[in-house]
Amino acid sequence: MENSHRFFRNSSCRYFPCHKTKDDRKFNCLFCFCPLYHLEDCGGRYEMSGGIKNCTQCRIPHTPEGYDYILDKLKKHNAKQR
């Protein structure tokens, strides 16, 4: 994938890839910290441990489609808050 506003791969990061992946060429680093972390219903795979959300099994922000998913989820969340 080409680095753009929807996808960015930082293969020089010392943590790259921070999650197991089948193809690191499709690993999106744009959302290194997931903007959906604060949402209880984020749609991702997570476990709660001691009041802390453990998202290590979630790949949503690291997929090429993650940008569109996250923006859509944030828009829907913000619309509910109004």
C-alpha atoms as a PDB file:
ATOM      1  CA  MET A   1       0.000   0.000   0.000  1.00  0.00           C
ATOM      2  CA  GLU A   2       1.086   3.525  -0.648  1.00  0.00           C
ATOM      3  CA  ASN A   3       1.476   5.939   2.275  1.00  0.00           C
ATOM      4  CA  SER A   4      -1.381   8.440   2.182  1.00  0.00           C
ATOM      5  CA  HIS A   5      -3.933  10.139   4.439  1.00  0.00           C
ATOM      6  CA  ARG A   6      -5.723   6.761   4.838  1.00  0.00           C
ATOM      7  CA  PHE A   7      -2.751   4.470   5.177  1.00  0.00           C
ATOM      8  CA  PHE A   8       0.729   4.850   6.620  1.00  0.00           C
ATOM      9  CA  ARG A   9       3.250   2.102   7.244  1.00  0.00           C
ATOM     10  CA  ASN A  10       6.212   2.903   9.468  1.00  0.00           C
ATOM     11  CA  SER A  11       8.388  -0.149   8.980  1.00  0.00           C
ATOM     12  CA  SER A  12      11.318   1.621  10.643  1.00  0.00           C
ATOM     13  CA  CYS A  13       9.440   1.813  13.967  1.00  0.00           C
ATOM     14  CA  ARG A  14      11.154  -0.333  16.598  1.00  0.00           C
ATOM     15  CA  TYR A  15       7.763  -1.889  17.438  1.00  0.00           C
ATOM     16  CA  PHE A  16       6.755  -2.644  13.840  1.00  0.00           C
ATOM     17  CA  PRO A  17       4.569  -4.556  13.548  1.00  0.00           C
ATOM     18  CA  CYS A  18       3.096  -4.149  17.015  1.00  0.00           C
ATOM     19  CA  HIS A  19       0.548  -6.935  16.368  1.00  0.00           C
ATOM     20  CA  LYS A  20       0.987 -10.272  14.630  1.00  0.00           C
ATOM     21  CA  THR A  21       0.059 -10.006  10.975  1.00  0.00           C
ATOM     22  CA  LYS A  22       0.014 -12.248   7.931  1.00  0.00           C
ATOM     23  CA  ASP A  23       1.243  -9.494   5.595  1.00  0.00           C
ATOM     24  CA  ASP A  24       3.140  -6.554   7.073  1.00  0.00           C
ATOM     25  CA  ARG A  25       2.862  -4.695   3.743  1.00  0.00           C
ATOM     26  CA  LYS A  26      -0.829  -4.178   4.559  1.00  0.00           C
ATOM     27  CA  PHE A  27      -0.199  -3.192   8.206  1.00  0.00           C
ATOM     28  CA  ASN A  28      -1.528   0.323   8.773  1.00  0.00           C
ATOM     29  CA  CYS A  29       0.299   2.398  11.389  1.00  0.00           C
ATOM     30  CA  LEU A  30      -1.831   5.516  10.885  1.00  0.00           C
ATOM     31  CA  PHE A  31      -3.769   4.894  14.086  1.00  0.00           C
ATOM     32  CA  CYS A  32      -0.903   3.771  16.274  1.00  0.00           C
ATOM     33  CA  PHE A  33      -3.189   4.520  19.211  1.00  0.00           C
ATOM     34  CA  CYS A  34      -6.782   3.636  18.346  1.00  0.00           C
ATOM     35  CA  PRO A  35      -9.183   6.603  18.466  1.00  0.00           C
ATOM     36  CA  LEU A  36     -11.939   4.152  19.419  1.00  0.00           C
ATOM     37  CA  TYR A  37     -10.225   3.043  22.620  1.00  0.00           C
ATOM     38  CA  HIS A  38     -12.517   5.198  24.764  1.00  0.00           C
ATOM     39  CA  LEU A  39     -15.697   3.715  23.247  1.00  0.00           C
ATOM     40  CA  GLU A  40     -17.239   0.796  25.084  1.00  0.00           C
ATOM     41  CA  ASP A  41     -18.792  -0.418  21.821  1.00  0.00           C
ATOM     42  CA  CYS A  42     -15.766   0.045  19.569  1.00  0.00           C
ATOM     43  CA  GLY A  43     -16.501  -3.040  17.486  1.00  0.00           C
ATOM     44  CA  GLY A  44     -13.072  -4.518  18.032  1.00  0.00           C
ATOM     45  CA  ARG A  45     -11.755  -7.542  19.867  1.00  0.00           C
ATOM     46  CA  TYR A  46     -10.684  -6.584  23.376  1.00  0.00           C
ATOM     47  CA  GLU A  47     -10.601  -7.875  26.929  1.00  0.00           C
ATOM     48  CA  MET A  48     -10.973  -5.906  30.136  1.00  0.00           C
ATOM     49  CA  SER A  49      -8.302  -6.553  32.736  1.00  0.00           C
ATOM     50  CA  GLY A  50      -8.221  -4.563  35.953  1.00  0.00           C
ATOM     51  CA  GLY A  51     -10.275  -1.772  34.380  1.00  0.00           C
ATOM     52  CA  ILE A  52      -7.884  -1.516  31.430  1.00  0.00           C
ATOM     53  CA  LYS A  53      -8.892  -2.316  27.879  1.00  0.00           C
ATOM     54  CA  ASN A  54      -6.476  -4.808  26.308  1.00  0.00           C
ATOM     55  CA  CYS A  55      -6.747  -4.502  22.520  1.00  0.00           C
ATOM     56  CA  THR A  56      -3.832  -6.689  21.476  1.00  0.00           C
ATOM     57  CA  GLN A  57      -6.150  -9.075  19.597  1.00  0.00           C
ATOM     58  CA  CYS A  58      -7.782  -6.283  17.584  1.00  0.00           C
ATOM     59  CA  ARG A  59      -6.577  -5.485  14.073  1.00  0.00           C
ATOM     60  CA  ILE A  60      -9.198  -2.921  13.000  1.00  0.00           C
ATOM     61  CA  PRO A  61      -6.966   0.176  13.149  1.00  0.00           C
ATOM     62  CA  HIS A  62      -4.149  -1.674  11.411  1.00  0.00           C
ATOM     63  CA  THR A  63      -6.027  -2.767   8.297  1.00  0.00           C
ATOM     64  CA  PRO A  64      -6.179  -0.770   5.071  1.00  0.00           C
ATOM     65  CA  GLU A  65      -9.966  -0.458   5.655  1.00  0.00           C
ATOM     66  CA  GLY A  66      -9.470   0.703   9.242  1.00  0.00           C
ATOM     67  CA  TYR A  67      -9.481   4.400   8.350  1.00  0.00           C
ATOM     68  CA  ASP A  68     -13.020   4.277   6.935  1.00  0.00           C
ATOM     69  CA  TYR A  69     -14.281   2.047   9.760  1.00  0.00           C
ATOM     70  CA  ILE A  70     -12.893   4.341  12.475  1.00  0.00           C
ATOM     71  CA  LEU A  71     -14.190   7.551  10.901  1.00  0.00           C
ATOM     72  CA  ASP A  72     -17.642   6.044  10.431  1.00  0.00           C
ATOM     73  CA  LYS A  73     -17.727   4.783  14.015  1.00  0.00           C
ATOM     74  CA  LEU A  74     -16.650   8.193  15.380  1.00  0.00           C
ATOM     75  CA  LYS A  75     -19.266  10.016  13.290  1.00  0.00           C
ATOM     76  CA  LYS A  76     -22.007   7.722  14.573  1.00  0.00           C
ATOM     77  CA  HIS A  77     -20.805   8.119  18.153  1.00  0.00           C
ATOM     78  CA  ASN A  78     -20.698  11.916  17.844  1.00  0.00           C
ATOM     79  CA  ALA A  79     -24.203  11.997  16.316  1.00  0.00           C
ATOM     80  CA  LYS A  80     -25.540  10.087  19.342  1.00  0.00           C
ATOM     81  CA  GLN A  81     -23.919  12.598  21.707  1.00  0.00           C
ATOM     82  CA  ARG A  82     -25.835  15.549  20.225  1.00  0.00           C
END
